Amino acid sequence: MKIYYINKKIVTIVLDKDLFMWENTTNNASVFEIDEVALDNKEICIDLVRTQNKVDIDGNNKYYIENGELFSRDGWEEYQEEIW
């Protein structure tokens, strides 16, 4: 899995199976790679994809990359606007 990010913010995630048909349009993005097949990474990769475009009440994504390492925010909860 390749994770493209700019200034700590993940802009897109591309699964290994999709790399051959994906066109990179993420200008100036850095790349973080994670072995999505490794057993130790399976759950985090699933969660990365599941929460990719979701934010908390402060507009933060659950995962971010800092100094070349992947981090998750403690206590992160997806914000869902109430519709009346």
PDB file of N, CA and C in Angstrom:
ATOM      1  N   MET A   1       0.853  -1.161   0.000  1.00  0.00           N
ATOM      2  CA  MET A   1       0.000   0.000   0.000  1.00  0.00           C
ATOM      3  C   MET A   1       0.899   1.223   0.000  1.00  0.00           C
ATOM      4  N   LYS A   2       0.543   2.177  -0.841  1.00  0.00           N
ATOM      5  CA  LYS A   2       1.265   3.446  -0.875  1.00  0.00           C
ATOM      6  C   LYS A   2       0.342   4.527  -0.329  1.00  0.00           C
ATOM      7  N   ILE A   3       0.882   5.289   0.597  1.00  0.00           N
ATOM      8  CA  ILE A   3       0.136   6.379   1.218  1.00  0.00           C
ATOM      9  C   ILE A   3       0.810   7.680   0.793  1.00  0.00           C
ATOM     10  N   TYR A   4       0.079   8.500   0.080  1.00  0.00           N
ATOM     11  CA  TYR A   4       0.602   9.786  -0.389  1.00  0.00           C
ATOM     12  C   TYR A   4       0.160  10.864   0.592  1.00  0.00           C
ATOM     13  N   TYR A   5       1.109  11.690   1.009  1.00  0.00           N
ATOM     14  CA  TYR A   5       0.796  12.712   2.007  1.00  0.00           C
ATOM     15  C   TYR A   5       1.538  14.012   1.727  1.00  0.00           C
ATOM     16  N   ILE A   6       0.935  15.091   2.193  1.00  0.00           N
ATOM     17  CA  ILE A   6       1.519  16.427   2.093  1.00  0.00           C
ATOM     18  C   ILE A   6       1.355  17.089   3.450  1.00  0.00           C
ATOM     19  N   ASN A   7       2.463  17.551   4.016  1.00  0.00           N
ATOM     20  CA  ASN A   7       2.434  18.226   5.327  1.00  0.00           C
ATOM     21  C   ASN A   7       1.663  17.416   6.373  1.00  0.00           C
ATOM     22  N   LYS A   8       2.012  16.175   6.559  1.00  0.00           N
ATOM     23  CA  LYS A   8       1.423  15.254   7.537  1.00  0.00           C
ATOM     24  C   LYS A   8       0.053  14.722   7.143  1.00  0.00           C
ATOM     25  N   LYS A   9      -0.646  15.375   6.228  1.00  0.00           N
ATOM     26  CA  LYS A   9      -2.006  14.988   5.864  1.00  0.00           C
ATOM     27  C   LYS A   9      -1.988  13.964   4.736  1.00  0.00           C
ATOM     28  N   ILE A  10      -2.692  12.864   4.945  1.00  0.00           N
ATOM     29  CA  ILE A  10      -2.803  11.836   3.931  1.00  0.00           C
ATOM     30  C   ILE A  10      -3.777  12.318   2.866  1.00  0.00           C
ATOM     31  N   VAL A  11      -3.309  12.342   1.616  1.00  0.00           N
ATOM     32  CA  VAL A  11      -4.163  12.821   0.530  1.00  0.00           C
ATOM     33  C   VAL A  11      -4.788  11.675  -0.257  1.00  0.00           C
ATOM     34  N   THR A  12      -4.111  10.544  -0.328  1.00  0.00           N
ATOM     35  CA  THR A  12      -4.700   9.376  -0.983  1.00  0.00           C
ATOM     36  C   THR A  12      -3.966   8.115  -0.576  1.00  0.00           C
ATOM     37  N   ILE A  13      -4.684   7.009  -0.662  1.00  0.00           N
ATOM     38  CA  ILE A  13      -4.136   5.691  -0.366  1.00  0.00           C
ATOM     39  C   ILE A  13      -4.388   4.812  -1.578  1.00  0.00           C
ATOM     40  N   VAL A  14      -3.346   4.106  -2.015  1.00  0.00           N
ATOM     41  CA  VAL A  14      -3.481   3.225  -3.170  1.00  0.00           C
ATOM     42  C   VAL A  14      -3.058   1.818  -2.747  1.00  0.00           C
ATOM     43  N   LEU A  15      -3.979   0.888  -2.859  1.00  0.00           N
ATOM     44  CA  LEU A  15      -3.682  -0.507  -2.543  1.00  0.00           C
ATOM     45  C   LEU A  15      -2.757  -1.084  -3.605  1.00  0.00           C
ATOM     46  N   ASP A  16      -1.942  -2.050  -3.215  1.00  0.00           N
ATOM     47  CA  ASP A  16      -1.015  -2.663  -4.162  1.00  0.00           C
ATOM     48  C   ASP A  16      -1.735  -3.208  -5.389  1.00  0.00           C
ATOM     49  N   LYS A  17      -2.911  -3.792  -5.199  1.00  0.00           N
ATOM     50  CA  LYS A  17      -3.649  -4.381  -6.318  1.00  0.00           C
ATOM     51  C   LYS A  17      -4.130  -3.326  -7.319  1.00  0.00           C
ATOM     52  N   ASP A  18      -4.189  -2.059  -6.904  1.00  0.00           N
ATOM     53  CA  ASP A  18      -4.682  -0.992  -7.767  1.00  0.00           C
ATOM     54  C   ASP A  18      -3.572  -0.149  -8.397  1.00  0.00           C
ATOM     55  N   LEU A  19      -2.328  -0.406  -8.035  1.00  0.00           N
ATOM     56  CA  LEU A  19      -1.226   0.426  -8.522  1.00  0.00           C
ATOM     57  C   LEU A  19      -1.090   0.420 -10.038  1.00  0.00           C
ATOM     58  N   PHE A  20      -1.342  -0.706 -10.682  1.00  0.00           N
ATOM     59  CA  PHE A  20      -1.128  -0.794 -12.122  1.00  0.00           C
ATOM     60  C   PHE A  20      -2.093   0.078 -12.914  1.00  0.00           C
ATOM     61  N   MET A  21      -3.257   0.416 -12.355  1.00  0.00           N
ATOM     62  CA  MET A  21      -4.222   1.217 -13.109  1.00  0.00           C
ATOM     63  C   MET A  21      -4.420   2.614 -12.516  1.00  0.00           C
ATOM     64  N   TRP A  22      -3.603   2.987 -11.546  1.00  0.00           N
ATOM     65  CA  TRP A  22      -3.738   4.275 -10.887  1.00  0.00           C
ATOM     66  C   TRP A  22      -2.775   5.281 -11.490  1.00  0.00           C
ATOM     67  N   GLU A  23      -3.281   6.453 -11.808  1.00  0.00           N
ATOM     68  CA  GLU A  23      -2.447   7.518 -12.344  1.00  0.00           C
ATOM     69  C   GLU A  23      -2.143   8.508 -11.228  1.00  0.00           C
ATOM     70  N   ASN A  24      -0.892   8.729 -10.972  1.00  0.00           N
ATOM     71  CA  ASN A  24      -0.475   9.619  -9.888  1.00  0.00           C
ATOM     72  C   ASN A  24      -0.732  11.077 -10.270  1.00  0.00           C
ATOM     73  N   THR A  25      -1.656  11.702  -9.568  1.00  0.00           N
ATOM     74  CA  THR A  25      -1.945  13.122  -9.779  1.00  0.00           C
ATOM     75  C   THR A  25      -1.680  13.923  -8.504  1.00  0.00           C
ATOM     76  N   THR A  26      -0.932  13.320  -7.591  1.00  0.00           N
ATOM     77  CA  THR A  26      -0.634  13.967  -6.314  1.00  0.00           C
ATOM     78  C   THR A  26       0.685  14.712  -6.417  1.00  0.00           C
ATOM     79  N   ASN A  27       0.660  15.869  -7.039  1.00  0.00           N
ATOM     80  CA  ASN A  27       1.867  16.667  -7.242  1.00  0.00           C
ATOM     81  C   ASN A  27       2.529  16.992  -5.913  1.00  0.00           C
ATOM     82  N   ASN A  28       3.831  16.785  -5.852  1.00  0.00           N
ATOM     83  CA  ASN A  28       4.657  17.128  -4.697  1.00  0.00           C
ATOM     84  C   ASN A  28       4.317  16.341  -3.430  1.00  0.00           C
ATOM     85  N   ALA A  29       3.574  15.262  -3.520  1.00  0.00           N
ATOM     86  CA  ALA A  29       3.257  14.465  -2.335  1.00  0.00           C
ATOM     87  C   ALA A  29       4.405  13.513  -2.040  1.00  0.00           C
ATOM     88  N   SER A  30       4.643  13.297  -0.761  1.00  0.00           N
ATOM     89  CA  SER A  30       5.608  12.295  -0.334  1.00  0.00           C
ATOM     90  C   SER A  30       4.890  10.958  -0.263  1.00  0.00           C
ATOM     91  N   VAL A  31       5.666   9.872  -0.264  1.00  0.00           N
ATOM     92  CA  VAL A  31       5.073   8.541  -0.266  1.00  0.00           C
ATOM     93  C   VAL A  31       5.545   7.757   0.952  1.00  0.00           C
ATOM     94  N   PHE A  32       4.591   7.166   1.639  1.00  0.00           N
ATOM     95  CA  PHE A  32       4.870   6.247   2.738  1.00  0.00           C
ATOM     96  C   PHE A  32       4.365   4.882   2.299  1.00  0.00           C
ATOM     97  N   GLU A  33       5.213   3.865   2.378  1.00  0.00           N
ATOM     98  CA  GLU A  33       4.807   2.528   1.954  1.00  0.00           C
ATOM     99  C   GLU A  33       4.647   1.624   3.167  1.00  0.00           C
ATOM    100  N   ILE A  34       3.615   0.784   3.110  1.00  0.00           N
ATOM    101  CA  ILE A  34       3.361  -0.181   4.171  1.00  0.00           C
ATOM    102  C   ILE A  34       2.991  -1.503   3.505  1.00  0.00           C
ATOM    103  N   ASP A  35       3.510  -2.581   4.034  1.00  0.00           N
ATOM    104  CA  ASP A  35       3.228  -3.912   3.489  1.00  0.00           C
ATOM    105  C   ASP A  35       1.845  -4.334   3.965  1.00  0.00           C
ATOM    106  N   GLU A  36       0.865  -4.224   3.091  1.00  0.00           N
ATOM    107  CA  GLU A  36      -0.519  -4.513   3.474  1.00  0.00           C
ATOM    108  C   GLU A  36      -0.785  -5.995   3.648  1.00  0.00           C
ATOM    109  N   VAL A  37       0.106  -6.851   3.171  1.00  0.00           N
ATOM    110  CA  VAL A  37      -0.078  -8.297   3.275  1.00  0.00           C
ATOM    111  C   VAL A  37       0.458  -8.839   4.600  1.00  0.00           C
ATOM    112  N   ALA A  38       1.406  -8.149   5.202  1.00  0.00           N
ATOM    113  CA  ALA A  38       1.992  -8.608   6.467  1.00  0.00           C
ATOM    114  C   ALA A  38       0.919  -8.696   7.544  1.00  0.00           C
ATOM    115  N   LEU A  39       0.933  -9.766   8.298  1.00  0.00           N
ATOM    116  CA  LEU A  39      -0.092  -9.984   9.320  1.00  0.00           C
ATOM    117  C   LEU A  39      -0.141  -8.861  10.351  1.00  0.00           C
ATOM    118  N   ASP A  40       1.011  -8.313  10.697  1.00  0.00           N
ATOM    119  CA  ASP A  40       1.051  -7.230  11.684  1.00  0.00           C
ATOM    120  C   ASP A  40       0.375  -5.959  11.179  1.00  0.00           C
ATOM    121  N   ASN A  41       0.273  -5.805   9.868  1.00  0.00           N
ATOM    122  CA  ASN A  41      -0.276  -4.577   9.280  1.00  0.00           C
ATOM    123  C   ASN A  41      -1.716  -4.707   8.811  1.00  0.00           C
ATOM    124  N   LYS A  42      -2.248  -5.898   8.808  1.00  0.00           N
ATOM    125  CA  LYS A  42      -3.565  -6.145   8.217  1.00  0.00           C
ATOM    126  C   LYS A  42      -4.646  -5.228   8.795  1.00  0.00           C
ATOM    127  N   GLU A  43      -4.766  -5.182  10.106  1.00  0.00           N
ATOM    128  CA  GLU A  43      -5.836  -4.388  10.739  1.00  0.00           C
ATOM    129  C   GLU A  43      -5.657  -2.895  10.501  1.00  0.00           C
ATOM    130  N   ILE A  44      -4.439  -2.416  10.592  1.00  0.00           N
ATOM    131  CA  ILE A  44      -4.227  -0.980  10.399  1.00  0.00           C
ATOM    132  C   ILE A  44      -4.493  -0.590   8.948  1.00  0.00           C
ATOM    133  N   CYS A  45      -4.151  -1.453   7.996  1.00  0.00           N
ATOM    134  CA  CYS A  45      -4.410  -1.152   6.586  1.00  0.00           C
ATOM    135  C   CYS A  45      -5.907  -1.117   6.303  1.00  0.00           C
ATOM    136  N   ILE A  46      -6.639  -2.044   6.885  1.00  0.00           N
ATOM    137  CA  ILE A  46      -8.096  -2.034   6.724  1.00  0.00           C
ATOM    138  C   ILE A  46      -8.673  -0.758   7.306  1.00  0.00           C
ATOM    139  N   ASP A  47      -8.206  -0.357   8.492  1.00  0.00           N
ATOM    140  CA  ASP A  47      -8.710   0.855   9.135  1.00  0.00           C
ATOM    141  C   ASP A  47      -8.298   2.110   8.363  1.00  0.00           C
ATOM    142  N   LEU A  48      -7.105   2.112   7.793  1.00  0.00           N
ATOM    143  CA  LEU A  48      -6.668   3.249   6.970  1.00  0.00           C
ATOM    144  C   LEU A  48      -7.628   3.484   5.815  1.00  0.00           C
ATOM    145  N   VAL A  49      -7.988   2.415   5.129  1.00  0.00           N
ATOM    146  CA  VAL A  49      -8.906   2.534   3.994  1.00  0.00           C
ATOM    147  C   VAL A  49     -10.298   2.935   4.476  1.00  0.00           C
ATOM    148  N   ARG A  50     -10.749   2.351   5.576  1.00  0.00           N
ATOM    149  CA  ARG A  50     -12.092   2.623   6.098  1.00  0.00           C
ATOM    150  C   ARG A  50     -12.256   4.078   6.544  1.00  0.00           C
ATOM    151  N   THR A  51     -11.206   4.666   7.090  1.00  0.00           N
ATOM    152  CA  THR A  51     -11.298   6.028   7.639  1.00  0.00           C
ATOM    153  C   THR A  51     -10.620   7.070   6.749  1.00  0.00           C
ATOM    154  N   GLN A  52     -10.258   6.698   5.542  1.00  0.00           N
ATOM    155  CA  GLN A  52      -9.451   7.552   4.671  1.00  0.00           C
ATOM    156  C   GLN A  52      -9.978   8.972   4.514  1.00  0.00           C
ATOM    157  N   ASN A  53     -11.220   9.176   4.214  1.00  0.00           N
ATOM    158  CA  ASN A  53     -11.749  10.523   3.975  1.00  0.00           C
ATOM    159  C   ASN A  53     -12.658  11.004   5.091  1.00  0.00           C
ATOM    160  N   LYS A  54     -12.513  10.429   6.261  1.00  0.00           N
ATOM    161  CA  LYS A  54     -13.359  10.803   7.398  1.00  0.00           C
ATOM    162  C   LYS A  54     -12.562  11.674   8.360  1.00  0.00           C
ATOM    163  N   VAL A  55     -13.264  12.580   9.027  1.00  0.00           N
ATOM    164  CA  VAL A  55     -12.620  13.507   9.950  1.00  0.00           C
ATOM    165  C   VAL A  55     -13.352  13.521  11.282  1.00  0.00           C
ATOM    166  N   ASP A  56     -12.656  14.049  12.301  1.00  0.00           N
ATOM    167  CA  ASP A  56     -13.309  14.244  13.591  1.00  0.00           C
ATOM    168  C   ASP A  56     -13.940  15.633  13.631  1.00  0.00           C
ATOM    169  N   ILE A  57     -14.480  16.018  14.747  1.00  0.00           N
ATOM    170  CA  ILE A  57     -15.184  17.304  14.865  1.00  0.00           C
ATOM    171  C   ILE A  57     -14.255  18.489  14.584  1.00  0.00           C
ATOM    172  N   ASP A  58     -12.937  18.296  14.777  1.00  0.00           N
ATOM    173  CA  ASP A  58     -11.966  19.355  14.521  1.00  0.00           C
ATOM    174  C   ASP A  58     -11.430  19.347  13.089  1.00  0.00           C
ATOM    175  N   GLY A  59     -11.929  18.406  12.265  1.00  0.00           N
ATOM    176  CA  GLY A  59     -11.499  18.326  10.882  1.00  0.00           C
ATOM    177  C   GLY A  59     -10.230  17.528  10.665  1.00  0.00           C
ATOM    178  N   ASN A  60      -9.797  16.775  11.679  1.00  0.00           N
ATOM    179  CA  ASN A  60      -8.580  15.973  11.577  1.00  0.00           C
ATOM    180  C   ASN A  60      -8.892  14.552  11.142  1.00  0.00           C
ATOM    181  N   ASN A  61      -8.033  14.013  10.289  1.00  0.00           N
ATOM    182  CA  ASN A  61      -8.138  12.616   9.919  1.00  0.00           C
ATOM    183  C   ASN A  61      -7.605  11.753  11.066  1.00  0.00           C
ATOM    184  N   LYS A  62      -7.987  10.488  11.091  1.00  0.00           N
ATOM    185  CA  LYS A  62      -7.535   9.595  12.155  1.00  0.00           C
ATOM    186  C   LYS A  62      -6.033   9.346  12.061  1.00  0.00           C
ATOM    187  N   TYR A  63      -5.530   9.178  10.845  1.00  0.00           N
ATOM    188  CA  TYR A  63      -4.111   8.875  10.648  1.00  0.00           C
ATOM    189  C   TYR A  63      -3.397  10.044  10.006  1.00  0.00           C
ATOM    190  N   TYR A  64      -2.121  10.174  10.334  1.00  0.00           N
ATOM    191  CA  TYR A  64      -1.269  11.183   9.726  1.00  0.00           C
ATOM    192  C   TYR A  64       0.161  10.660   9.727  1.00  0.00           C
ATOM    193  N   ILE A  65       1.004  11.289   8.950  1.00  0.00           N
ATOM    194  CA  ILE A  65       2.398  10.871   8.850  1.00  0.00           C
ATOM    195  C   ILE A  65       3.277  12.032   9.275  1.00  0.00           C
ATOM    196  N   GLU A  66       4.171  11.727  10.194  1.00  0.00           N
ATOM    197  CA  GLU A  66       5.090  12.744  10.703  1.00  0.00           C
ATOM    198  C   GLU A  66       6.489  12.144  10.778  1.00  0.00           C
ATOM    199  N   ASN A  67       7.461  12.856  10.248  1.00  0.00           N
ATOM    200  CA  ASN A  67       8.850  12.397  10.232  1.00  0.00           C
ATOM    201  C   ASN A  67       8.980  10.987   9.649  1.00  0.00           C
ATOM    202  N   GLY A  68       8.216  10.701   8.609  1.00  0.00           N
ATOM    203  CA  GLY A  68       8.308   9.422   7.928  1.00  0.00           C
ATOM    204  C   GLY A  68       7.689   8.246   8.665  1.00  0.00           C
ATOM    205  N   GLU A  69       6.879   8.517   9.694  1.00  0.00           N
ATOM    206  CA  GLU A  69       6.216   7.454  10.447  1.00  0.00           C
ATOM    207  C   GLU A  69       4.714   7.690  10.473  1.00  0.00           C
ATOM    208  N   LEU A  70       3.962   6.590  10.495  1.00  0.00           N
ATOM    209  CA  LEU A  70       2.503   6.634  10.517  1.00  0.00           C
ATOM    210  C   LEU A  70       2.012   6.699  11.961  1.00  0.00           C
ATOM    211  N   PHE A  71       1.113   7.634  12.246  1.00  0.00           N
ATOM    212  CA  PHE A  71       0.546   7.802  13.585  1.00  0.00           C
ATOM    213  C   PHE A  71      -0.978   7.836  13.505  1.00  0.00           C
ATOM    214  N   SER A  72      -1.626   7.499  14.611  1.00  0.00           N
ATOM    215  CA  SER A  72      -3.073   7.670  14.713  1.00  0.00           C
ATOM    216  C   SER A  72      -3.351   8.572  15.910  1.00  0.00           C
ATOM    217  N   ARG A  73      -4.448   9.287  15.844  1.00  0.00           N
ATOM    218  CA  ARG A  73      -4.818  10.203  16.920  1.00  0.00           C
ATOM    219  C   ARG A  73      -5.572   9.435  18.011  1.00  0.00           C
ATOM    220  N   ASP A  74      -5.124   9.595  19.243  1.00  0.00           N
ATOM    221  CA  ASP A  74      -5.791   8.958  20.377  1.00  0.00           C
ATOM    222  C   ASP A  74      -7.175   9.559  20.571  1.00  0.00           C
ATOM    223  N   GLY A  75      -8.158   8.713  20.819  1.00  0.00           N
ATOM    224  CA  GLY A  75      -9.508   9.175  21.094  1.00  0.00           C
ATOM    225  C   GLY A  75     -10.242   9.724  19.891  1.00  0.00           C
ATOM    226  N   TRP A  76      -9.735   9.481  18.688  1.00  0.00           N
ATOM    227  CA  TRP A  76     -10.362  10.000  17.471  1.00  0.00           C
ATOM    228  C   TRP A  76     -11.736   9.376  17.284  1.00  0.00           C
ATOM    229  N   GLU A  77     -12.724  10.201  17.007  1.00  0.00           N
ATOM    230  CA  GLU A  77     -14.077   9.730  16.714  1.00  0.00           C
ATOM    231  C   GLU A  77     -14.576  10.439  15.465  1.00  0.00           C
ATOM    232  N   GLU A  78     -15.140   9.660  14.560  1.00  0.00           N
ATOM    233  CA  GLU A  78     -15.653  10.229  13.318  1.00  0.00           C
ATOM    234  C   GLU A  78     -16.783  11.208  13.618  1.00  0.00           C
ATOM    235  N   TYR A  79     -16.718  12.364  12.968  1.00  0.00           N
ATOM    236  CA  TYR A  79     -17.775  13.375  13.106  1.00  0.00           C
ATOM    237  C   TYR A  79     -18.846  13.118  12.064  1.00  0.00           C
ATOM    238  N   GLN A  80     -20.070  13.027  12.523  1.00  0.00           N
ATOM    239  CA  GLN A  80     -21.191  12.885  11.616  1.00  0.00           C
ATOM    240  C   GLN A  80     -22.197  13.984  11.925  1.00  0.00           C
ATOM    241  N   GLU A  81     -22.366  14.848  10.949  1.00  0.00           N
ATOM    242  CA  GLU A  81     -23.269  15.984  11.117  1.00  0.00           C
ATOM    243  C   GLU A  81     -24.694  15.472  11.280  1.00  0.00           C
ATOM    244  N   GLU A  82     -25.377  16.035  12.255  1.00  0.00           N
ATOM    245  CA  GLU A  82     -26.763  15.641  12.475  1.00  0.00           C
ATOM    246  C   GLU A  82     -27.665  16.326  11.460  1.00  0.00           C
ATOM    247  N   ILE A  83     -28.532  15.543  10.865  1.00  0.00           N
ATOM    248  CA  ILE A  83     -29.463  16.076   9.876  1.00  0.00           C
ATOM    249  C   ILE A  83     -30.852  16.055  10.482  1.00  0.00           C
ATOM    250  N   TRP A  84     -31.491  17.207  10.510  1.00  0.00           N
ATOM    251  CA  TRP A  84     -32.834  17.307  11.130  1.00  0.00           C
ATOM    252  C   TRP A  84     -33.869  17.368  10.087  1.00  0.00           C
TER     253      TRP A  84
END
